Amino acid sequence: MLNTTNIKMGSHTSNMTFNATSNGMMQRSNPKSFFIRFHKDSKMAEYIFPTDGATPYVKRGYNGVDKIKISVLQILVFGKDEFLCEVVEHKDLVDD
């Protein structure tokens, strides 16, 4: 529809489809999820995207002593390498 364009070169006409990137809107996909924002070079990025195969986590509590295991549901990249992630705690993914 809106992402299809006709290109005419001489007697040849081609239909081109462009898959545009997101317009920047992100909706919550889990009722118990929450959003976090951080830079790709921050400490938070190391917790959320561990390179050693560990489970992603966030720090909470006084001085960040509590490590809460999470799952990343969505990622939106914007600005100068900023991330907006929708995450949910592992315990909230289990039905009681």
PDB file of N, CA and C in Angstrom:
ATOM      1  N   MET A   1       0.820  -1.191   0.000  1.00  0.00           N
ATOM      2  CA  MET A   1       0.000   0.000   0.000  1.00  0.00           C
ATOM      3  C   MET A   1       0.865   1.256   0.000  1.00  0.00           C
ATOM      4  N   LEU A   2       1.095   1.827   1.176  1.00  0.00           N
ATOM      5  CA  LEU A   2       1.843   3.071   1.240  1.00  0.00           C
ATOM      6  C   LEU A   2       3.334   2.865   1.009  1.00  0.00           C
ATOM      7  N   ASN A   3       3.806   1.625   1.173  1.00  0.00           N
ATOM      8  CA  ASN A   3       5.230   1.385   0.998  1.00  0.00           C
ATOM      9  C   ASN A   3       5.565   0.806  -0.380  1.00  0.00           C
ATOM     10  N   THR A   4       4.612   0.830  -1.323  1.00  0.00           N
ATOM     11  CA  THR A   4       4.851   0.357  -2.683  1.00  0.00           C
ATOM     12  C   THR A   4       4.949   1.558  -3.616  1.00  0.00           C
ATOM     13  N   THR A   5       5.991   1.572  -4.462  1.00  0.00           N
ATOM     14  CA  THR A   5       6.227   2.685  -5.369  1.00  0.00           C
ATOM     15  C   THR A   5       6.433   2.156  -6.778  1.00  0.00           C
ATOM     16  N   ASN A   6       5.870   2.842  -7.749  1.00  0.00           N
ATOM     17  CA  ASN A   6       6.106   2.518  -9.154  1.00  0.00           C
ATOM     18  C   ASN A   6       7.269   3.347  -9.661  1.00  0.00           C
ATOM     19  N   ILE A   7       8.242   2.682 -10.262  1.00  0.00           N
ATOM     20  CA  ILE A   7       9.397   3.366 -10.837  1.00  0.00           C
ATOM     21  C   ILE A   7       9.379   3.115 -12.341  1.00  0.00           C
ATOM     22  N   LYS A   8       9.360   4.193 -13.094  1.00  0.00           N
ATOM     23  CA  LYS A   8       9.319   4.070 -14.559  1.00  0.00           C
ATOM     24  C   LYS A   8      10.631   4.554 -15.138  1.00  0.00           C
ATOM     25  N   MET A   9      11.304   3.648 -15.870  1.00  0.00           N
ATOM     26  CA  MET A   9      12.558   3.988 -16.534  1.00  0.00           C
ATOM     27  C   MET A   9      12.390   3.654 -18.009  1.00  0.00           C
ATOM     28  N   GLY A  10      12.125   4.670 -18.807  1.00  0.00           N
ATOM     29  CA  GLY A  10      11.891   4.445 -20.225  1.00  0.00           C
ATOM     30  C   GLY A  10      10.572   3.714 -20.411  1.00  0.00           C
ATOM     31  N   SER A  11      10.603   2.573 -21.080  1.00  0.00           N
ATOM     32  CA  SER A  11       9.381   1.811 -21.309  1.00  0.00           C
ATOM     33  C   SER A  11       9.163   0.738 -20.235  1.00  0.00           C
ATOM     34  N   HIS A  12      10.057   0.644 -19.254  1.00  0.00           N
ATOM     35  CA  HIS A  12       9.952  -0.367 -18.197  1.00  0.00           C
ATOM     36  C   HIS A  12       9.423   0.256 -16.906  1.00  0.00           C
ATOM     37  N   THR A  13       8.446  -0.395 -16.323  1.00  0.00           N
ATOM     38  CA  THR A  13       7.900   0.049 -15.043  1.00  0.00           C
ATOM     39  C   THR A  13       8.102  -1.067 -14.030  1.00  0.00           C
ATOM     40  N   SER A  14       8.615  -0.705 -12.878  1.00  0.00           N
ATOM     41  CA  SER A  14       8.837  -1.684 -11.813  1.00  0.00           C
ATOM     42  C   SER A  14       8.098  -1.257 -10.566  1.00  0.00           C
ATOM     43  N   ASN A  15       7.539  -2.221  -9.855  1.00  0.00           N
ATOM     44  CA  ASN A  15       6.938  -1.970  -8.545  1.00  0.00           C
ATOM     45  C   ASN A  15       7.977  -2.301  -7.482  1.00  0.00           C
ATOM     46  N   MET A  16       8.285  -1.345  -6.641  1.00  0.00           N
ATOM     47  CA  MET A  16       9.263  -1.530  -5.572  1.00  0.00           C
ATOM     48  C   MET A  16       8.534  -1.461  -4.241  1.00  0.00           C
ATOM     49  N   THR A  17       8.879  -2.364  -3.349  1.00  0.00           N
ATOM     50  CA  THR A  17       8.312  -2.347  -2.005  1.00  0.00           C
ATOM     51  C   THR A  17       9.421  -2.014  -1.013  1.00  0.00           C
ATOM     52  N   PHE A  18       9.193  -0.996  -0.211  1.00  0.00           N
ATOM     53  CA  PHE A  18      10.148  -0.590   0.810  1.00  0.00           C
ATOM     54  C   PHE A  18       9.596  -0.988   2.170  1.00  0.00           C
ATOM     55  N   ASN A  19      10.371  -1.738   2.911  1.00  0.00           N
ATOM     56  CA  ASN A  19       9.976  -2.103   4.274  1.00  0.00           C
ATOM     57  C   ASN A  19      10.539  -1.050   5.227  1.00  0.00           C
ATOM     58  N   ALA A  20       9.708  -0.113   5.580  1.00  0.00           N
ATOM     59  CA  ALA A  20      10.136   0.994   6.420  1.00  0.00           C
ATOM     60  C   ALA A  20      10.342   0.533   7.854  1.00  0.00           C
ATOM     61  N   THR A  21      11.224   1.228   8.550  1.00  0.00           N
ATOM     62  CA  THR A  21      11.455   0.926   9.958  1.00  0.00           C
ATOM     63  C   THR A  21      10.277   1.418  10.780  1.00  0.00           C
ATOM     64  N   SER A  22      10.277   1.073  12.025  1.00  0.00           N
ATOM     65  CA  SER A  22       9.209   1.466  12.937  1.00  0.00           C
ATOM     66  C   SER A  22       9.125   2.982  13.032  1.00  0.00           C
ATOM     67  N   ASN A  23       7.942   3.456  13.330  1.00  0.00           N
ATOM     68  CA  ASN A  23       7.772   4.892  13.486  1.00  0.00           C
ATOM     69  C   ASN A  23       8.086   5.337  14.914  1.00  0.00           C
ATOM     70  N   GLY A  24       8.562   4.432  15.759  1.00  0.00           N
ATOM     71  CA  GLY A  24       8.972   4.793  17.106  1.00  0.00           C
ATOM     72  C   GLY A  24       7.955   4.494  18.178  1.00  0.00           C
ATOM     73  N   MET A  25       6.883   3.818  17.855  1.00  0.00           N
ATOM     74  CA  MET A  25       5.867   3.514  18.855  1.00  0.00           C
ATOM     75  C   MET A  25       6.066   2.105  19.388  1.00  0.00           C
ATOM     76  N   MET A  26       6.035   1.960  20.703  1.00  0.00           N
ATOM     77  CA  MET A  26       6.147   0.647  21.315  1.00  0.00           C
ATOM     78  C   MET A  26       5.024   0.515  22.338  1.00  0.00           C
ATOM     79  N   GLN A  27       4.325  -0.599  22.287  1.00  0.00           N
ATOM     80  CA  GLN A  27       3.238  -0.836  23.223  1.00  0.00           C
ATOM     81  C   GLN A  27       3.612  -1.975  24.149  1.00  0.00           C
ATOM     82  N   ARG A  28       3.106  -1.919  25.355  1.00  0.00           N
ATOM     83  CA  ARG A  28       3.345  -2.971  26.335  1.00  0.00           C
ATOM     84  C   ARG A  28       2.693  -4.260  25.845  1.00  0.00           C
ATOM     85  N   SER A  29       3.451  -5.356  25.879  1.00  0.00           N
ATOM     86  CA  SER A  29       2.940  -6.635  25.401  1.00  0.00           C
ATOM     87  C   SER A  29       2.648  -7.609  26.535  1.00  0.00           C
ATOM     88  N   ASN A  30       2.966  -7.226  27.768  1.00  0.00           N
ATOM     89  CA  ASN A  30       2.685  -8.060  28.935  1.00  0.00           C
ATOM     90  C   ASN A  30       2.201  -7.149  30.050  1.00  0.00           C
ATOM     91  N   PRO A  31       1.124  -7.511  30.752  1.00  0.00           N
ATOM     92  CA  PRO A  31       0.587  -6.606  31.774  1.00  0.00           C
ATOM     93  C   PRO A  31       1.543  -6.358  32.943  1.00  0.00           C
ATOM     94  N   LYS A  32       2.534  -7.219  33.148  1.00  0.00           N
ATOM     95  CA  LYS A  32       3.459  -7.053  34.270  1.00  0.00           C
ATOM     96  C   LYS A  32       4.836  -6.563  33.829  1.00  0.00           C
ATOM     97  N   SER A  33       4.968  -6.172  32.571  1.00  0.00           N
ATOM     98  CA  SER A  33       6.253  -5.707  32.071  1.00  0.00           C
ATOM     99  C   SER A  33       6.488  -4.255  32.452  1.00  0.00           C
ATOM    100  N   PHE A  34       7.731  -3.811  32.281  1.00  0.00           N
ATOM    101  CA  PHE A  34       8.083  -2.415  32.512  1.00  0.00           C
ATOM    102  C   PHE A  34       9.154  -2.028  31.500  1.00  0.00           C
ATOM    103  N   PHE A  35       9.356  -0.725  31.347  1.00  0.00           N
ATOM    104  CA  PHE A  35      10.296  -0.207  30.355  1.00  0.00           C
ATOM    105  C   PHE A  35      11.532   0.352  31.050  1.00  0.00           C
ATOM    106  N   ILE A  36      12.680   0.127  30.427  1.00  0.00           N
ATOM    107  CA  ILE A  36      13.919   0.725  30.907  1.00  0.00           C
ATOM    108  C   ILE A  36      14.625   1.370  29.722  1.00  0.00           C
ATOM    109  N   ARG A  37      15.314   2.471  30.007  1.00  0.00           N
ATOM    110  CA  ARG A  37      16.029   3.210  28.964  1.00  0.00           C
ATOM    111  C   ARG A  37      17.488   3.323  29.383  1.00  0.00           C
ATOM    112  N   PHE A  38      18.402   3.087  28.440  1.00  0.00           N
ATOM    113  CA  PHE A  38      19.820   3.158  28.755  1.00  0.00           C
ATOM    114  C   PHE A  38      20.625   3.300  27.466  1.00  0.00           C
ATOM    115  N   HIS A  39      21.873   3.690  27.605  1.00  0.00           N
ATOM    116  CA  HIS A  39      22.794   3.832  26.475  1.00  0.00           C
ATOM    117  C   HIS A  39      23.482   2.500  26.221  1.00  0.00           C
ATOM    118  N   LYS A  40      23.872   2.249  24.990  1.00  0.00           N
ATOM    119  CA  LYS A  40      24.477   0.963  24.643  1.00  0.00           C
ATOM    120  C   LYS A  40      25.816   0.717  25.320  1.00  0.00           C
ATOM    121  N   ASP A  41      26.502   1.760  25.765  1.00  0.00           N
ATOM    122  CA  ASP A  41      27.792   1.604  26.428  1.00  0.00           C
ATOM    123  C   ASP A  41      27.701   1.694  27.950  1.00  0.00           C
ATOM    124  N   SER A  42      26.492   1.687  28.511  1.00  0.00           N
ATOM    125  CA  SER A  42      26.322   1.825  29.952  1.00  0.00           C
ATOM    126  C   SER A  42      26.447   0.477  30.662  1.00  0.00           C
ATOM    127  N   LYS A  43      26.548   0.541  31.989  1.00  0.00           N
ATOM    128  CA  LYS A  43      26.576  -0.683  32.804  1.00  0.00           C
ATOM    129  C   LYS A  43      25.270  -1.457  32.651  1.00  0.00           C
ATOM    130  N   MET A  44      24.175  -0.735  32.525  1.00  0.00           N
ATOM    131  CA  MET A  44      22.869  -1.369  32.367  1.00  0.00           C
ATOM    132  C   MET A  44      22.856  -2.262  31.130  1.00  0.00           C
ATOM    133  N   ALA A  45      23.490  -1.826  30.067  1.00  0.00           N
ATOM    134  CA  ALA A  45      23.552  -2.629  28.842  1.00  0.00           C
ATOM    135  C   ALA A  45      24.263  -3.953  29.107  1.00  0.00           C
ATOM    136  N   GLU A  46      25.267  -3.949  29.971  1.00  0.00           N
ATOM    137  CA  GLU A  46      25.971  -5.184  30.323  1.00  0.00           C
ATOM    138  C   GLU A  46      25.065  -6.145  31.086  1.00  0.00           C
ATOM    139  N   TYR A  47      24.153  -5.614  31.894  1.00  0.00           N
ATOM    140  CA  TYR A  47      23.211  -6.464  32.634  1.00  0.00           C
ATOM    141  C   TYR A  47      22.138  -7.032  31.723  1.00  0.00           C
ATOM    142  N   ILE A  48      21.629  -6.181  30.826  1.00  0.00           N
ATOM    143  CA  ILE A  48      20.507  -6.561  29.966  1.00  0.00           C
ATOM    144  C   ILE A  48      20.953  -7.467  28.828  1.00  0.00           C
ATOM    145  N   PHE A  49      22.132  -7.203  28.262  1.00  0.00           N
ATOM    146  CA  PHE A  49      22.657  -7.984  27.142  1.00  0.00           C
ATOM    147  C   PHE A  49      24.003  -8.602  27.510  1.00  0.00           C
ATOM    148  N   PRO A  50      24.030  -9.577  28.428  1.00  0.00           N
ATOM    149  CA  PRO A  50      25.313 -10.170  28.830  1.00  0.00           C
ATOM    150  C   PRO A  50      25.944 -10.945  27.678  1.00  0.00           C
ATOM    151  N   THR A  51      27.251 -10.805  27.534  1.00  0.00           N
ATOM    152  CA  THR A  51      27.955 -11.497  26.456  1.00  0.00           C
ATOM    153  C   THR A  51      28.540 -12.831  26.893  1.00  0.00           C
ATOM    154  N   ASP A  52      28.427 -13.153  28.184  1.00  0.00           N
ATOM    155  CA  ASP A  52      29.001 -14.402  28.690  1.00  0.00           C
ATOM    156  C   ASP A  52      27.969 -15.519  28.828  1.00  0.00           C
ATOM    157  N   GLY A  53      26.778 -15.315  28.295  1.00  0.00           N
ATOM    158  CA  GLY A  53      25.744 -16.351  28.351  1.00  0.00           C
ATOM    159  C   GLY A  53      24.917 -16.338  29.620  1.00  0.00           C
ATOM    160  N   ALA A  54      25.136 -15.374  30.497  1.00  0.00           N
ATOM    161  CA  ALA A  54      24.378 -15.280  31.745  1.00  0.00           C
ATOM    162  C   ALA A  54      22.946 -14.823  31.463  1.00  0.00           C
ATOM    163  N   THR A  55      22.086 -14.984  32.452  1.00  0.00           N
ATOM    164  CA  THR A  55      20.699 -14.544  32.342  1.00  0.00           C
ATOM    165  C   THR A  55      20.637 -13.029  32.534  1.00  0.00           C
ATOM    166  N   PRO A  56      19.914 -12.319  31.685  1.00  0.00           N
ATOM    167  CA  PRO A  56      19.784 -10.865  31.858  1.00  0.00           C
ATOM    168  C   PRO A  56      19.142 -10.537  33.211  1.00  0.00           C
ATOM    169  N   TYR A  57      19.526  -9.409  33.794  1.00  0.00           N
ATOM    170  CA  TYR A  57      18.965  -9.008  35.081  1.00  0.00           C
ATOM    171  C   TYR A  57      18.983  -7.494  35.205  1.00  0.00           C
ATOM    172  N   VAL A  58      18.227  -7.015  36.185  1.00  0.00           N
ATOM    173  CA  VAL A  58      18.279  -5.609  36.579  1.00  0.00           C
ATOM    174  C   VAL A  58      18.591  -5.584  38.063  1.00  0.00           C
ATOM    175  N   LYS A  59      19.173  -4.487  38.513  1.00  0.00           N
ATOM    176  CA  LYS A  59      19.491  -4.332  39.929  1.00  0.00           C
ATOM    177  C   LYS A  59      18.432  -3.461  40.578  1.00  0.00           C
ATOM    178  N   ARG A  60      17.990  -3.888  41.748  1.00  0.00           N
ATOM    179  CA  ARG A  60      17.002  -3.127  42.517  1.00  0.00           C
ATOM    180  C   ARG A  60      17.406  -3.111  43.979  1.00  0.00           C
ATOM    181  N   GLY A  61      16.698  -2.320  44.746  1.00  0.00           N
ATOM    182  CA  GLY A  61      16.950  -2.258  46.177  1.00  0.00           C
ATOM    183  C   GLY A  61      17.992  -1.216  46.522  1.00  0.00           C
ATOM    184  N   TYR A  62      18.302  -1.138  47.787  1.00  0.00           N
ATOM    185  CA  TYR A  62      19.272  -0.167  48.275  1.00  0.00           C
ATOM    186  C   TYR A  62      20.638  -0.458  47.676  1.00  0.00           C
ATOM    187  N   ASN A  63      21.211   0.498  46.989  1.00  0.00           N
ATOM    188  CA  ASN A  63      22.503   0.374  46.307  1.00  0.00           C
ATOM    189  C   ASN A  63      22.505  -0.728  45.250  1.00  0.00           C
ATOM    190  N   GLY A  64      21.373  -1.146  44.774  1.00  0.00           N
ATOM    191  CA  GLY A  64      21.297  -2.141  43.707  1.00  0.00           C
ATOM    192  C   GLY A  64      21.815  -3.510  44.095  1.00  0.00           C
ATOM    193  N   VAL A  65      21.519  -3.934  45.331  1.00  0.00           N
ATOM    194  CA  VAL A  65      22.039  -5.226  45.789  1.00  0.00           C
ATOM    195  C   VAL A  65      21.201  -6.403  45.318  1.00  0.00           C
ATOM    196  N   ASP A  66      19.943  -6.173  44.989  1.00  0.00           N
ATOM    197  CA  ASP A  66      19.068  -7.260  44.530  1.00  0.00           C
ATOM    198  C   ASP A  66      19.160  -7.396  43.022  1.00  0.00           C
ATOM    199  N   LYS A  67      19.464  -8.603  42.555  1.00  0.00           N
ATOM    200  CA  LYS A  67      19.485  -8.879  41.116  1.00  0.00           C
ATOM    201  C   LYS A  67      18.206  -9.602  40.750  1.00  0.00           C
ATOM    202  N   ILE A  68      17.406  -9.014  39.879  1.00  0.00           N
ATOM    203  CA  ILE A  68      16.131  -9.566  39.445  1.00  0.00           C
ATOM    204  C   ILE A  68      16.313 -10.122  38.037  1.00  0.00           C
ATOM    205  N   LYS A  69      16.105 -11.419  37.850  1.00  0.00           N
ATOM    206  CA  LYS A  69      16.225 -12.030  36.521  1.00  0.00           C
ATOM    207  C   LYS A  69      15.060 -11.577  35.651  1.00  0.00           C
ATOM    208  N   ILE A  70      15.372 -11.237  34.402  1.00  0.00           N
ATOM    209  CA  ILE A  70      14.357 -10.700  33.485  1.00  0.00           C
ATOM    210  C   ILE A  70      14.446 -11.367  32.124  1.00  0.00           C
ATOM    211  N   SER A  71      13.402 -11.147  31.330  1.00  0.00           N
ATOM    212  CA  SER A  71      13.396 -11.487  29.907  1.00  0.00           C
ATOM    213  C   SER A  71      13.101 -10.211  29.136  1.00  0.00           C
ATOM    214  N   VAL A  72      13.836  -9.985  28.061  1.00  0.00           N
ATOM    215  CA  VAL A  72      13.630  -8.812  27.219  1.00  0.00           C
ATOM    216  C   VAL A  72      12.575  -9.167  26.178  1.00  0.00           C
ATOM    217  N   LEU A  73      11.504  -8.388  26.124  1.00  0.00           N
ATOM    218  CA  LEU A  73      10.404  -8.654  25.205  1.00  0.00           C
ATOM    219  C   LEU A  73      10.525  -7.855  23.911  1.00  0.00           C
ATOM    220  N   GLN A  74      10.925  -6.586  24.016  1.00  0.00           N
ATOM    221  CA  GLN A  74      11.045  -5.723  22.834  1.00  0.00           C
ATOM    222  C   GLN A  74      12.198  -4.758  23.038  1.00  0.00           C
ATOM    223  N   ILE A  75      12.774  -4.319  21.938  1.00  0.00           N
ATOM    224  CA  ILE A  75      13.839  -3.323  21.982  1.00  0.00           C
ATOM    225  C   ILE A  75      13.555  -2.263  20.927  1.00  0.00           C
ATOM    226  N   LEU A  76      13.711  -1.007  21.301  1.00  0.00           N
ATOM    227  CA  LEU A  76      13.611   0.108  20.372  1.00  0.00           C
ATOM    228  C   LEU A  76      14.912   0.889  20.471  1.00  0.00           C
ATOM    229  N   VAL A  77      15.603   1.055  19.358  1.00  0.00           N
ATOM    230  CA  VAL A  77      16.856   1.804  19.315  1.00  0.00           C
ATOM    231  C   VAL A  77      16.546   3.192  18.772  1.00  0.00           C
ATOM    232  N   PHE A  78      17.047   4.232  19.461  1.00  0.00           N
ATOM    233  CA  PHE A  78      16.763   5.595  19.017  1.00  0.00           C
ATOM    234  C   PHE A  78      17.919   6.508  19.409  1.00  0.00           C
ATOM    235  N   GLY A  79      17.908   7.702  18.866  1.00  0.00           N
ATOM    236  CA  GLY A  79      18.894   8.707  19.227  1.00  0.00           C
ATOM    237  C   GLY A  79      20.318   8.246  18.972  1.00  0.00           C
ATOM    238  N   LYS A  80      21.202   8.633  19.845  1.00  0.00           N
ATOM    239  CA  LYS A  80      22.624   8.274  19.762  1.00  0.00           C
ATOM    240  C   LYS A  80      22.851   6.976  20.529  1.00  0.00           C
ATOM    241  N   ASP A  81      22.437   5.856  19.941  1.00  0.00           N
ATOM    242  CA  ASP A  81      22.632   4.525  20.522  1.00  0.00           C
ATOM    243  C   ASP A  81      21.937   4.346  21.864  1.00  0.00           C
ATOM    244  N   GLU A  82      20.756   4.902  22.002  1.00  0.00           N
ATOM    245  CA  GLU A  82      19.937   4.720  23.197  1.00  0.00           C
ATOM    246  C   GLU A  82      18.989   3.557  22.972  1.00  0.00           C
ATOM    247  N   PHE A  83      18.720   2.785  24.008  1.00  0.00           N
ATOM    248  CA  PHE A  83      17.793   1.657  23.945  1.00  0.00           C
ATOM    249  C   PHE A  83      16.607   1.919  24.857  1.00  0.00           C
ATOM    250  N   LEU A  84      15.436   1.541  24.393  1.00  0.00           N
ATOM    251  CA  LEU A  84      14.246   1.478  25.231  1.00  0.00           C
ATOM    252  C   LEU A  84      13.802   0.028  25.160  1.00  0.00           C
ATOM    253  N   CYS A  85      13.821  -0.656  26.293  1.00  0.00           N
ATOM    254  CA  CYS A  85      13.505  -2.082  26.325  1.00  0.00           C
ATOM    255  C   CYS A  85      12.284  -2.337  27.186  1.00  0.00           C
ATOM    256  N   GLU A  86      11.424  -3.201  26.682  1.00  0.00           N
ATOM    257  CA  GLU A  86      10.336  -3.717  27.501  1.00  0.00           C
ATOM    258  C   GLU A  86      10.835  -5.026  28.100  1.00  0.00           C
ATOM    259  N   VAL A  87      10.808  -5.111  29.420  1.00  0.00           N
ATOM    260  CA  VAL A  87      11.287  -6.311  30.112  1.00  0.00           C
ATOM    261  C   VAL A  87      10.235  -6.781  31.109  1.00  0.00           C
ATOM    262  N   VAL A  88      10.337  -8.053  31.473  1.00  0.00           N
ATOM    263  CA  VAL A  88       9.435  -8.625  32.471  1.00  0.00           C
ATOM    264  C   VAL A  88      10.259  -9.551  33.360  1.00  0.00           C
ATOM    265  N   GLU A  89       9.929  -9.584  34.637  1.00  0.00           N
ATOM    266  CA  GLU A  89      10.621 -10.475  35.559  1.00  0.00           C
ATOM    267  C   GLU A  89      10.273 -11.922  35.244  1.00  0.00           C
ATOM    268  N   HIS A  90      11.239 -12.808  35.417  1.00  0.00           N
ATOM    269  CA  HIS A  90      11.009 -14.228  35.127  1.00  0.00           C
ATOM    270  C   HIS A  90       9.828 -14.784  35.916  1.00  0.00           C
ATOM    271  N   LYS A  91       9.714 -14.399  37.184  1.00  0.00           N
ATOM    272  CA  LYS A  91       8.637 -14.941  38.022  1.00  0.00           C
ATOM    273  C   LYS A  91       7.254 -14.524  37.520  1.00  0.00           C
ATOM    274  N   ASP A  92       7.180 -13.418  36.787  1.00  0.00           N
ATOM    275  CA  ASP A  92       5.889 -12.956  36.259  1.00  0.00           C
ATOM    276  C   ASP A  92       5.490 -13.659  34.971  1.00  0.00           C
ATOM    277  N   LEU A  93       6.398 -14.438  34.391  1.00  0.00           N
ATOM    278  CA  LEU A  93       6.071 -15.197  33.185  1.00  0.00           C
ATOM    279  C   LEU A  93       5.430 -16.544  33.492  1.00  0.00           C
ATOM    280  N   VAL A  94       5.467 -16.943  34.740  1.00  0.00           N
ATOM    281  CA  VAL A  94       4.930 -18.240  35.155  1.00  0.00           C
ATOM    282  C   VAL A  94       3.504 -18.041  35.664  1.00  0.00           C
ATOM    283  N   ASP A  95       2.557 -18.821  35.106  1.00  0.00           N
ATOM    284  CA  ASP A  95       1.176 -18.770  35.579  1.00  0.00           C
ATOM    285  C   ASP A  95       1.056 -19.516  36.907  1.00  0.00           C
ATOM    286  N   ASP A  96       0.305 -18.923  37.824  1.00  0.00           N
ATOM    287  CA  ASP A  96       0.086 -19.594  39.129  1.00  0.00           C
ATOM    288  C   ASP A  96      -1.032 -20.592  39.062  1.00  0.00           C
TER     289      ASP A  96
END
